[in-house]
Amino acid sequence: MAYKISDACVKCGSCAEVCPVGAISEGDAQYEINADACVDCGTCAAQCPVEAIAEA
């Protein structure tokens, strides 16, 4: 199951920098995870300083 970024996202970009498959991109209000590309590794969730990323 892919991860999802909540409204708590502060758009710091740290998650996108560490995603091994490039599944995270900057959206209008927050960063977004492409569920089809996500490999469910959890690297982004571990990197997020505000804990805005969790399994969907």
C-alpha atoms as a PDB file:
ATOM      1  CA  MET A   1       0.000   0.000   0.000  1.00  0.00           C
ATOM      2  CA  ALA A   2       1.344   3.423  -0.930  1.00  0.00           C
ATOM      3  CA  TYR A   3       2.106   6.199   1.504  1.00  0.00           C
ATOM      4  CA  LYS A   4       0.100   9.438   1.636  1.00  0.00           C
ATOM      5  CA  ILE A   5       1.068  12.972   2.632  1.00  0.00           C
ATOM      6  CA  SER A   6      -1.380  14.763   4.937  1.00  0.00           C
ATOM      7  CA  ASP A   7      -2.315  18.429   5.213  1.00  0.00           C
ATOM      8  CA  ALA A   8       0.361  18.758   7.903  1.00  0.00           C
ATOM      9  CA  CYS A   9       2.954  18.941   5.092  1.00  0.00           C
ATOM     10  CA  VAL A  10       5.101  22.088   5.316  1.00  0.00           C
ATOM     11  CA  LYS A  11       6.496  21.697   1.761  1.00  0.00           C
ATOM     12  CA  CYS A  12      10.105  21.336   2.900  1.00  0.00           C
ATOM     13  CA  GLY A  13      10.883  18.819   0.137  1.00  0.00           C
ATOM     14  CA  SER A  14      12.918  16.453   2.285  1.00  0.00           C
ATOM     15  CA  CYS A  15      10.669  13.520   1.338  1.00  0.00           C
ATOM     16  CA  ALA A  16      11.129  14.067  -2.401  1.00  0.00           C
ATOM     17  CA  GLU A  17      14.908  14.226  -1.971  1.00  0.00           C
ATOM     18  CA  VAL A  18      15.081  10.756  -0.400  1.00  0.00           C
ATOM     19  CA  CYS A  19      12.466   8.875  -2.461  1.00  0.00           C
ATOM     20  CA  PRO A  20      14.405   6.121  -4.273  1.00  0.00           C
ATOM     21  CA  VAL A  21      11.915   5.921  -7.159  1.00  0.00           C
ATOM     22  CA  GLY A  22      11.046   9.613  -7.602  1.00  0.00           C
ATOM     23  CA  ALA A  23       7.385   9.083  -6.681  1.00  0.00           C
ATOM     24  CA  ILE A  24       7.059  12.391  -4.799  1.00  0.00           C
ATOM     25  CA  SER A  25       6.481  15.755  -6.437  1.00  0.00           C
ATOM     26  CA  GLU A  26       5.499  19.224  -5.306  1.00  0.00           C
ATOM     27  CA  GLY A  27       1.785  19.930  -5.548  1.00  0.00           C
ATOM     28  CA  ASP A  28      -0.070  23.203  -5.125  1.00  0.00           C
ATOM     29  CA  ALA A  29      -0.727  22.934  -1.392  1.00  0.00           C
ATOM     30  CA  GLN A  30       1.690  20.165  -0.372  1.00  0.00           C
ATOM     31  CA  TYR A  31       3.927  17.445  -1.752  1.00  0.00           C
ATOM     32  CA  GLU A  32       2.142  14.483  -3.342  1.00  0.00           C
ATOM     33  CA  ILE A  33       3.003  10.801  -3.716  1.00  0.00           C
ATOM     34  CA  ASN A  34       2.241   8.984  -6.967  1.00  0.00           C
ATOM     35  CA  ALA A  35       0.635   5.812  -5.589  1.00  0.00           C
ATOM     36  CA  ASP A  36       1.390   3.870  -8.780  1.00  0.00           C
ATOM     37  CA  ALA A  37       5.113   4.615  -8.502  1.00  0.00           C
ATOM     38  CA  CYS A  38       5.449   4.257  -4.701  1.00  0.00           C
ATOM     39  CA  VAL A  39       7.252   1.059  -3.655  1.00  0.00           C
ATOM     40  CA  ASP A  40       6.098   1.298  -0.013  1.00  0.00           C
ATOM     41  CA  CYS A  41       9.614   1.534   1.409  1.00  0.00           C
ATOM     42  CA  GLY A  42       8.789   4.132   4.096  1.00  0.00           C
ATOM     43  CA  THR A  43      11.906   6.211   3.497  1.00  0.00           C
ATOM     44  CA  CYS A  44       9.837   9.358   3.028  1.00  0.00           C
ATOM     45  CA  ALA A  45       7.890   8.847   6.262  1.00  0.00           C
ATOM     46  CA  ALA A  46      11.104   8.388   8.223  1.00  0.00           C
ATOM     47  CA  GLN A  47      12.546  11.592   6.716  1.00  0.00           C
ATOM     48  CA  CYS A  48       9.517  13.860   7.277  1.00  0.00           C
ATOM     49  CA  PRO A  49      10.264  16.359  10.096  1.00  0.00           C
ATOM     50  CA  VAL A  50       6.570  16.959  10.856  1.00  0.00           C
ATOM     51  CA  GLU A  51       5.386  13.337  10.554  1.00  0.00           C
ATOM     52  CA  ALA A  52       2.977  14.246   7.727  1.00  0.00           C
ATOM     53  CA  ILE A  53       3.479  10.953   5.860  1.00  0.00           C
ATOM     54  CA  ALA A  54       1.781   7.674   6.727  1.00  0.00           C
ATOM     55  CA  GLU A  55       0.600   4.514   5.015  1.00  0.00           C
ATOM     56  CA  ALA A  56      -2.647   5.102   3.152  1.00  0.00           C
END
